[in-house]
Amino acid sequence: MDLLGFRDCPMKVTALPGASKRTRNRIRENGPTFTFVKKGRPASLTGDGVLLRSKRTGWFGWLPLEEVDMVHDKDFSQQVVVEDSKR
């Protein structure tokens, strides 16, 4: 997954089939829209991960890249623009 250019972008995140219970719970409790912060290999994971911040709850943490599907949430981006223009 090429994530260059998506830093600080709203992403709709879903758990892939076979994702761990932890990943499914984090998405269910804090998602589905997160801000993508960065991709990396933290010591807490065995492979690559994505650092995300929840748009809804503020949760901030790593999820295994191999367990999630992320799509740029254009609807959320447009919603923010509309809300900002109302101010």
PDB file of N, CA and C in Angstrom:
ATOM      1  N   MET A   1       0.852  -1.177   0.000  1.00  0.00           N
ATOM      2  CA  MET A   1       0.000   0.000   0.000  1.00  0.00           C
ATOM      3  C   MET A   1       0.895   1.237   0.000  1.00  0.00           C
ATOM      4  N   ASP A   2       0.754   2.093  -0.998  1.00  0.00           N
ATOM      5  CA  ASP A   2       1.524   3.317  -1.100  1.00  0.00           C
ATOM      6  C   ASP A   2       0.779   4.404  -0.341  1.00  0.00           C
ATOM      7  N   LEU A   3       1.364   4.876   0.745  1.00  0.00           N
ATOM      8  CA  LEU A   3       0.684   5.860   1.584  1.00  0.00           C
ATOM      9  C   LEU A   3       1.304   7.243   1.477  1.00  0.00           C
ATOM     10  N   LEU A   4       2.283   7.411   0.591  1.00  0.00           N
ATOM     11  CA  LEU A   4       2.874   8.728   0.403  1.00  0.00           C
ATOM     12  C   LEU A   4       1.796   9.705  -0.038  1.00  0.00           C
ATOM     13  N   GLY A   5       1.810  10.870   0.532  1.00  0.00           N
ATOM     14  CA  GLY A   5       0.831  11.879   0.167  1.00  0.00           C
ATOM     15  C   GLY A   5      -0.454  11.811   0.961  1.00  0.00           C
ATOM     16  N   PHE A   6      -0.594  10.841   1.853  1.00  0.00           N
ATOM     17  CA  PHE A   6      -1.819  10.720   2.639  1.00  0.00           C
ATOM     18  C   PHE A   6      -1.650  11.172   4.082  1.00  0.00           C
ATOM     19  N   ARG A   7      -0.497  11.695   4.447  1.00  0.00           N
ATOM     20  CA  ARG A   7      -0.277  12.139   5.825  1.00  0.00           C
ATOM     21  C   ARG A   7      -1.307  13.209   6.183  1.00  0.00           C
ATOM     22  N   ASP A   8      -1.892  13.061   7.350  1.00  0.00           N
ATOM     23  CA  ASP A   8      -2.923  13.963   7.875  1.00  0.00           C
ATOM     24  C   ASP A   8      -4.227  13.925   7.086  1.00  0.00           C
ATOM     25  N   CYS A   9      -4.405  12.911   6.251  1.00  0.00           N
ATOM     26  CA  CYS A   9      -5.654  12.764   5.494  1.00  0.00           C
ATOM     27  C   CYS A   9      -6.627  11.869   6.260  1.00  0.00           C
ATOM     28  N   PRO A  10      -7.919  12.168   6.153  1.00  0.00           N
ATOM     29  CA  PRO A  10      -8.912  11.278   6.763  1.00  0.00           C
ATOM     30  C   PRO A  10      -9.003   9.988   5.963  1.00  0.00           C
ATOM     31  N   MET A  11      -8.963   8.868   6.674  1.00  0.00           N
ATOM     32  CA  MET A  11      -9.017   7.556   6.047  1.00  0.00           C
ATOM     33  C   MET A  11     -10.127   6.742   6.695  1.00  0.00           C
ATOM     34  N   LYS A  12     -10.909   6.067   5.874  1.00  0.00           N
ATOM     35  CA  LYS A  12     -11.905   5.127   6.395  1.00  0.00           C
ATOM     36  C   LYS A  12     -11.194   3.785   6.528  1.00  0.00           C
ATOM     37  N   VAL A  13     -11.166   3.247   7.735  1.00  0.00           N
ATOM     38  CA  VAL A  13     -10.404   2.031   8.038  1.00  0.00           C
ATOM     39  C   VAL A  13     -11.366   0.898   8.366  1.00  0.00           C
ATOM     40  N   THR A  14     -11.119  -0.259   7.766  1.00  0.00           N
ATOM     41  CA  THR A  14     -11.884  -1.457   8.075  1.00  0.00           C
ATOM     42  C   THR A  14     -10.909  -2.600   8.356  1.00  0.00           C
ATOM     43  N   ALA A  15     -11.336  -3.528   9.193  1.00  0.00           N
ATOM     44  CA  ALA A  15     -10.519  -4.697   9.506  1.00  0.00           C
ATOM     45  C   ALA A  15     -10.668  -5.731   8.394  1.00  0.00           C
ATOM     46  N   LEU A  16      -9.558  -6.301   7.979  1.00  0.00           N
ATOM     47  CA  LEU A  16      -9.577  -7.362   6.975  1.00  0.00           C
ATOM     48  C   LEU A  16      -9.990  -8.684   7.622  1.00  0.00           C
ATOM     49  N   PRO A  17     -10.515  -9.630   6.846  1.00  0.00           N
ATOM     50  CA  PRO A  17     -10.824 -10.950   7.402  1.00  0.00           C
ATOM     51  C   PRO A  17      -9.548 -11.529   8.025  1.00  0.00           C
ATOM     52  N   GLY A  18      -9.677 -12.085   9.187  1.00  0.00           N
ATOM     53  CA  GLY A  18      -8.525 -12.663   9.878  1.00  0.00           C
ATOM     54  C   GLY A  18      -7.772 -11.669  10.750  1.00  0.00           C
ATOM     55  N   ALA A  19      -8.247 -10.416  10.827  1.00  0.00           N
ATOM     56  CA  ALA A  19      -7.605  -9.416  11.686  1.00  0.00           C
ATOM     57  C   ALA A  19      -7.741  -9.831  13.144  1.00  0.00           C
ATOM     58  N   SER A  20      -6.786  -9.405  13.944  1.00  0.00           N
ATOM     59  CA  SER A  20      -6.807  -9.751  15.368  1.00  0.00           C
ATOM     60  C   SER A  20      -7.992  -9.087  16.062  1.00  0.00           C
ATOM     61  N   LYS A  21      -8.339  -9.628  17.215  1.00  0.00           N
ATOM     62  CA  LYS A  21      -9.431  -9.072  18.003  1.00  0.00           C
ATOM     63  C   LYS A  21      -9.102  -7.635  18.414  1.00  0.00           C
ATOM     64  N   ARG A  22      -7.840  -7.373  18.741  1.00  0.00           N
ATOM     65  CA  ARG A  22      -7.416  -6.021  19.129  1.00  0.00           C
ATOM     66  C   ARG A  22      -7.685  -5.020  18.005  1.00  0.00           C
ATOM     67  N   THR A  23      -7.305  -5.372  16.781  1.00  0.00           N
ATOM     68  CA  THR A  23      -7.518  -4.484  15.638  1.00  0.00           C
ATOM     69  C   THR A  23      -9.003  -4.243  15.412  1.00  0.00           C
ATOM     70  N   ARG A  24      -9.789  -5.303  15.424  1.00  0.00           N
ATOM     71  CA  ARG A  24     -11.235  -5.162  15.221  1.00  0.00           C
ATOM     72  C   ARG A  24     -11.858  -4.268  16.297  1.00  0.00           C
ATOM     73  N   ASN A  25     -11.430  -4.470  17.552  1.00  0.00           N
ATOM     74  CA  ASN A  25     -11.964  -3.665  18.662  1.00  0.00           C
ATOM     75  C   ASN A  25     -11.586  -2.194  18.530  1.00  0.00           C
ATOM     76  N   ARG A  26     -10.339  -1.898  18.193  1.00  0.00           N
ATOM     77  CA  ARG A  26      -9.908  -0.496  18.065  1.00  0.00           C
ATOM     78  C   ARG A  26     -10.715   0.224  16.986  1.00  0.00           C
ATOM     79  N   ILE A  27     -10.947  -0.457  15.863  1.00  0.00           N
ATOM     80  CA  ILE A  27     -11.716   0.156  14.784  1.00  0.00           C
ATOM     81  C   ILE A  27     -13.168   0.335  15.209  1.00  0.00           C
ATOM     82  N   ARG A  28     -13.730  -0.682  15.850  1.00  0.00           N
ATOM     83  CA  ARG A  28     -15.134  -0.606  16.295  1.00  0.00           C
ATOM     84  C   ARG A  28     -15.305   0.494  17.351  1.00  0.00           C
ATOM     85  N   GLU A  29     -14.368   0.593  18.301  1.00  0.00           N
ATOM     86  CA  GLU A  29     -14.490   1.556  19.399  1.00  0.00           C
ATOM     87  C   GLU A  29     -14.166   2.991  18.986  1.00  0.00           C
ATOM     88  N   ASN A  30     -13.317   3.168  17.977  1.00  0.00           N
ATOM     89  CA  ASN A  30     -12.798   4.502  17.669  1.00  0.00           C
ATOM     90  C   ASN A  30     -13.011   4.969  16.240  1.00  0.00           C
ATOM     91  N   GLY A  31     -13.481   4.105  15.377  1.00  0.00           N
ATOM     92  CA  GLY A  31     -13.568   4.438  13.959  1.00  0.00           C
ATOM     93  C   GLY A  31     -14.973   4.712  13.512  1.00  0.00           C
ATOM     94  N   PRO A  32     -15.162   4.642  12.222  1.00  0.00           N
ATOM     95  CA  PRO A  32     -14.267   4.085  11.219  1.00  0.00           C
ATOM     96  C   PRO A  32     -13.314   5.107  10.588  1.00  0.00           C
ATOM     97  N   THR A  33     -13.463   6.420  10.901  1.00  0.00           N
ATOM     98  CA  THR A  33     -12.608   7.419  10.262  1.00  0.00           C
ATOM     99  C   THR A  33     -11.458   7.809  11.170  1.00  0.00           C
ATOM    100  N   PHE A  34     -10.255   7.698  10.625  1.00  0.00           N
ATOM    101  CA  PHE A  34      -9.027   8.027  11.333  1.00  0.00           C
ATOM    102  C   PHE A  34      -8.195   8.970  10.477  1.00  0.00           C
ATOM    103  N   THR A  35      -7.308   9.706  11.118  1.00  0.00           N
ATOM    104  CA  THR A  35      -6.316  10.488  10.391  1.00  0.00           C
ATOM    105  C   THR A  35      -5.060   9.637  10.294  1.00  0.00           C
ATOM    106  N   PHE A  36      -4.547   9.476   9.083  1.00  0.00           N
ATOM    107  CA  PHE A  36      -3.299   8.745   8.878  1.00  0.00           C
ATOM    108  C   PHE A  36      -2.140   9.633   9.311  1.00  0.00           C
ATOM    109  N   VAL A  37      -1.295   9.114  10.222  1.00  0.00           N
ATOM    110  CA  VAL A  37      -0.145   9.875  10.714  1.00  0.00           C
ATOM    111  C   VAL A  37       1.120   9.422  10.005  1.00  0.00           C
ATOM    112  N   LYS A  38       1.413   8.109  10.070  1.00  0.00           N
ATOM    113  CA  LYS A  38       2.585   7.599   9.362  1.00  0.00           C
ATOM    114  C   LYS A  38       2.581   6.085   9.316  1.00  0.00           C
ATOM    115  N   LYS A  39       3.408   5.567   8.437  1.00  0.00           N
ATOM    116  CA  LYS A  39       3.631   4.123   8.319  1.00  0.00           C
ATOM    117  C   LYS A  39       5.004   3.853   8.922  1.00  0.00           C
ATOM    118  N   GLY A  40       5.130   2.736   9.616  1.00  0.00           N
ATOM    119  CA  GLY A  40       6.412   2.410  10.224  1.00  0.00           C
ATOM    120  C   GLY A  40       6.439   0.994  10.745  1.00  0.00           C
ATOM    121  N   ARG A  41       7.490   0.692  11.486  1.00  0.00           N
ATOM    122  CA  ARG A  41       7.646  -0.629  12.075  1.00  0.00           C
ATOM    123  C   ARG A  41       7.949  -0.460  13.560  1.00  0.00           C
ATOM    124  N   PRO A  42       6.889  -0.256  14.365  1.00  0.00           N
ATOM    125  CA  PRO A  42       7.105  -0.075  15.802  1.00  0.00           C
ATOM    126  C   PRO A  42       7.514  -1.387  16.473  1.00  0.00           C
ATOM    127  N   ALA A  43       8.186  -1.271  17.589  1.00  0.00           N
ATOM    128  CA  ALA A  43       8.638  -2.458  18.326  1.00  0.00           C
ATOM    129  C   ALA A  43       7.470  -3.304  18.812  1.00  0.00           C
ATOM    130  N   SER A  44       6.297  -2.693  18.964  1.00  0.00           N
ATOM    131  CA  SER A  44       5.134  -3.422  19.480  1.00  0.00           C
ATOM    132  C   SER A  44       4.483  -4.341  18.444  1.00  0.00           C
ATOM    133  N   LEU A  45       4.871  -4.210  17.168  1.00  0.00           N
ATOM    134  CA  LEU A  45       4.302  -5.042  16.112  1.00  0.00           C
ATOM    135  C   LEU A  45       5.392  -5.881  15.464  1.00  0.00           C
ATOM    136  N   THR A  46       4.998  -7.012  14.880  1.00  0.00           N
ATOM    137  CA  THR A  46       5.983  -7.877  14.220  1.00  0.00           C
ATOM    138  C   THR A  46       6.249  -7.463  12.781  1.00  0.00           C
ATOM    139  N   GLY A  47       5.416  -6.614  12.221  1.00  0.00           N
ATOM    140  CA  GLY A  47       5.600  -6.150  10.844  1.00  0.00           C
ATOM    141  C   GLY A  47       5.295  -4.669  10.744  1.00  0.00           C
ATOM    142  N   ASP A  48       5.028  -4.229   9.512  1.00  0.00           N
ATOM    143  CA  ASP A  48       4.697  -2.822   9.296  1.00  0.00           C
ATOM    144  C   ASP A  48       3.362  -2.483   9.938  1.00  0.00           C
ATOM    145  N   GLY A  49       3.263  -1.240  10.368  1.00  0.00           N
ATOM    146  CA  GLY A  49       2.028  -0.767  10.962  1.00  0.00           C
ATOM    147  C   GLY A  49       1.702   0.628  10.487  1.00  0.00           C
ATOM    148  N   VAL A  50       0.515   1.075  10.835  1.00  0.00           N
ATOM    149  CA  VAL A  50       0.104   2.441  10.539  1.00  0.00           C
ATOM    150  C   VAL A  50      -0.279   3.121  11.844  1.00  0.00           C
ATOM    151  N   LEU A  51       0.230   4.330  12.014  1.00  0.00           N
ATOM    152  CA  LEU A  51      -0.090   5.127  13.187  1.00  0.00           C
ATOM    153  C   LEU A  51      -1.290   5.985  12.823  1.00  0.00           C
ATOM    154  N   LEU A  52      -2.361   5.839  13.592  1.00  0.00           N
ATOM    155  CA  LEU A  52      -3.624   6.505  13.284  1.00  0.00           C
ATOM    156  C   LEU A  52      -4.123   7.298  14.482  1.00  0.00           C
ATOM    157  N   ARG A  53      -4.905   8.350  14.194  1.00  0.00           N
ATOM    158  CA  ARG A  53      -5.598   9.100  15.243  1.00  0.00           C
ATOM    159  C   ARG A  53      -7.082   9.080  14.899  1.00  0.00           C
ATOM    160  N   SER A  54      -7.897   8.716  15.878  1.00  0.00           N
ATOM    161  CA  SER A  54      -9.336   8.649  15.667  1.00  0.00           C
ATOM    162  C   SER A  54      -9.917  10.049  15.504  1.00  0.00           C
ATOM    163  N   LYS A  55     -10.761  10.225  14.479  1.00  0.00           N
ATOM    164  CA  LYS A  55     -11.439  11.496  14.283  1.00  0.00           C
ATOM    165  C   LYS A  55     -12.579  11.654  15.293  1.00  0.00           C
ATOM    166  N   ARG A  56     -13.075  10.536  15.812  1.00  0.00           N
ATOM    167  CA  ARG A  56     -14.245  10.562  16.694  1.00  0.00           C
ATOM    168  C   ARG A  56     -13.870  10.648  18.169  1.00  0.00           C
ATOM    169  N   THR A  57     -12.865   9.843  18.589  1.00  0.00           N
ATOM    170  CA  THR A  57     -12.557   9.762  20.024  1.00  0.00           C
ATOM    171  C   THR A  57     -11.191  10.325  20.407  1.00  0.00           C
ATOM    172  N   GLY A  58     -10.322  10.568  19.419  1.00  0.00           N
ATOM    173  CA  GLY A  58      -8.980  11.050  19.727  1.00  0.00           C
ATOM    174  C   GLY A  58      -7.977   9.941  20.012  1.00  0.00           C
ATOM    175  N   TRP A  59      -8.431   8.672  19.992  1.00  0.00           N
ATOM    176  CA  TRP A  59      -7.494   7.556  20.207  1.00  0.00           C
ATOM    177  C   TRP A  59      -6.328   7.700  19.235  1.00  0.00           C
ATOM    178  N   PHE A  60      -5.117   7.353  19.697  1.00  0.00           N
ATOM    179  CA  PHE A  60      -3.902   7.497  18.909  1.00  0.00           C
ATOM    180  C   PHE A  60      -3.089   6.236  19.105  1.00  0.00           C
ATOM    181  N   GLY A  61      -2.834   5.492  18.021  1.00  0.00           N
ATOM    182  CA  GLY A  61      -2.076   4.262  18.182  1.00  0.00           C
ATOM    183  C   GLY A  61      -1.792   3.558  16.870  1.00  0.00           C
ATOM    184  N   TRP A  62      -1.054   2.458  17.003  1.00  0.00           N
ATOM    185  CA  TRP A  62      -0.625   1.661  15.859  1.00  0.00           C
ATOM    186  C   TRP A  62      -1.581   0.511  15.601  1.00  0.00           C
ATOM    187  N   LEU A  63      -1.811   0.224  14.320  1.00  0.00           N
ATOM    188  CA  LEU A  63      -2.512  -0.978  13.909  1.00  0.00           C
ATOM    189  C   LEU A  63      -1.649  -1.672  12.858  1.00  0.00           C
ATOM    190  N   PRO A  64      -1.651  -3.020  12.854  1.00  0.00           N
ATOM    191  CA  PRO A  64      -0.865  -3.749  11.851  1.00  0.00           C
ATOM    192  C   PRO A  64      -1.381  -3.466  10.438  1.00  0.00           C
ATOM    193  N   LEU A  65      -0.493  -3.081   9.555  1.00  0.00           N
ATOM    194  CA  LEU A  65      -0.872  -2.755   8.179  1.00  0.00           C
ATOM    195  C   LEU A  65      -1.515  -3.941   7.471  1.00  0.00           C
ATOM    196  N   GLU A  66      -1.043  -5.144   7.781  1.00  0.00           N
ATOM    197  CA  GLU A  66      -1.562  -6.341   7.108  1.00  0.00           C
ATOM    198  C   GLU A  66      -2.978  -6.704   7.567  1.00  0.00           C
ATOM    199  N   GLU A  67      -3.495  -6.032   8.608  1.00  0.00           N
ATOM    200  CA  GLU A  67      -4.818  -6.353   9.144  1.00  0.00           C
ATOM    201  C   GLU A  67      -5.888  -5.333   8.789  1.00  0.00           C
ATOM    202  N   VAL A  68      -5.520  -4.257   8.071  1.00  0.00           N
ATOM    203  CA  VAL A  68      -6.492  -3.202   7.803  1.00  0.00           C
ATOM    204  C   VAL A  68      -6.555  -2.841   6.325  1.00  0.00           C
ATOM    205  N   ASP A  69      -7.711  -2.339   5.939  1.00  0.00           N
ATOM    206  CA  ASP A  69      -7.899  -1.761   4.620  1.00  0.00           C
ATOM    207  C   ASP A  69      -8.204  -0.288   4.857  1.00  0.00           C
ATOM    208  N   MET A  70      -7.509   0.590   4.137  1.00  0.00           N
ATOM    209  CA  MET A  70      -7.701   2.023   4.325  1.00  0.00           C
ATOM    210  C   MET A  70      -8.038   2.668   2.986  1.00  0.00           C
ATOM    211  N   VAL A  71      -9.054   3.515   3.012  1.00  0.00           N
ATOM    212  CA  VAL A  71      -9.479   4.241   1.822  1.00  0.00           C
ATOM    213  C   VAL A  71      -9.596   5.705   2.205  1.00  0.00           C
ATOM    214  N   HIS A  72      -9.094   6.582   1.342  1.00  0.00           N
ATOM    215  CA  HIS A  72      -9.208   8.016   1.609  1.00  0.00           C
ATOM    216  C   HIS A  72     -10.682   8.367   1.736  1.00  0.00           C
ATOM    217  N   ASP A  73     -11.046   8.990   2.846  1.00  0.00           N
ATOM    218  CA  ASP A  73     -12.446   9.316   3.123  1.00  0.00           C
ATOM    219  C   ASP A  73     -12.764  10.697   2.552  1.00  0.00           C
ATOM    220  N   LYS A  74     -13.031  10.747   1.250  1.00  0.00           N
ATOM    221  CA  LYS A  74     -13.312  12.014   0.575  1.00  0.00           C
ATOM    222  C   LYS A  74     -14.577  12.660   1.132  1.00  0.00           C
ATOM    223  N   ASP A  75     -15.562  11.867   1.518  1.00  0.00           N
ATOM    224  CA  ASP A  75     -16.794  12.417   2.081  1.00  0.00           C
ATOM    225  C   ASP A  75     -16.501  13.199   3.352  1.00  0.00           C
ATOM    226  N   PHE A  76     -15.597  12.670   4.186  1.00  0.00           N
ATOM    227  CA  PHE A  76     -15.253  13.365   5.421  1.00  0.00           C
ATOM    228  C   PHE A  76     -14.523  14.656   5.093  1.00  0.00           C
ATOM    229  N   SER A  77     -13.617  14.636   4.107  1.00  0.00           N
ATOM    230  CA  SER A  77     -12.882  15.839   3.709  1.00  0.00           C
ATOM    231  C   SER A  77     -13.852  16.922   3.248  1.00  0.00           C
ATOM    232  N   GLN A  78     -14.841  16.547   2.452  1.00  0.00           N
ATOM    233  CA  GLN A  78     -15.806  17.520   1.963  1.00  0.00           C
ATOM    234  C   GLN A  78     -16.669  18.044   3.097  1.00  0.00           C
ATOM    235  N   GLN A  79     -17.006  17.192   4.052  1.00  0.00           N
ATOM    236  CA  GLN A  79     -17.810  17.595   5.199  1.00  0.00           C
ATOM    237  C   GLN A  79     -17.064  18.637   6.015  1.00  0.00           C
ATOM    238  N   VAL A  80     -15.760  18.448   6.225  1.00  0.00           N
ATOM    239  CA  VAL A  80     -14.952  19.396   6.992  1.00  0.00           C
ATOM    240  C   VAL A  80     -14.910  20.739   6.271  1.00  0.00           C
ATOM    241  N   VAL A  81     -14.735  20.730   4.960  1.00  0.00           N
ATOM    242  CA  VAL A  81     -14.697  21.976   4.187  1.00  0.00           C
ATOM    243  C   VAL A  81     -16.016  22.721   4.333  1.00  0.00           C
ATOM    244  N   VAL A  82     -17.140  22.011   4.245  1.00  0.00           N
ATOM    245  CA  VAL A  82     -18.454  22.639   4.373  1.00  0.00           C
ATOM    246  C   VAL A  82     -18.623  23.220   5.774  1.00  0.00           C
ATOM    247  N   GLU A  83     -18.242  22.463   6.808  1.00  0.00           N
ATOM    248  CA  GLU A  83     -18.376  22.955   8.188  1.00  0.00           C
ATOM    249  C   GLU A  83     -17.494  24.164   8.416  1.00  0.00           C
ATOM    250  N   ASP A  84     -16.265  24.159   7.901  1.00  0.00           N
ATOM    251  CA  ASP A  84     -15.359  25.285   8.069  1.00  0.00           C
ATOM    252  C   ASP A  84     -15.881  26.530   7.373  1.00  0.00           C
ATOM    253  N   SER A  85     -16.545  26.350   6.227  1.00  0.00           N
ATOM    254  CA  SER A  85     -17.055  27.509   5.492  1.00  0.00           C
ATOM    255  C   SER A  85     -18.263  28.139   6.173  1.00  0.00           C
ATOM    256  N   LYS A  86     -18.911  27.413   7.079  1.00  0.00           N
ATOM    257  CA  LYS A  86     -20.063  27.938   7.798  1.00  0.00           C
ATOM    258  C   LYS A  86     -19.643  28.855   8.942  1.00  0.00           C
ATOM    259  N   ARG A  87     -18.371  28.823   9.317  1.00  0.00           N
ATOM    260  CA  ARG A  87     -17.896  29.623  10.464  1.00  0.00           C
ATOM    261  C   ARG A  87     -17.754  31.070  10.096  1.00  0.00           C
TER     262      ARG A  87
END
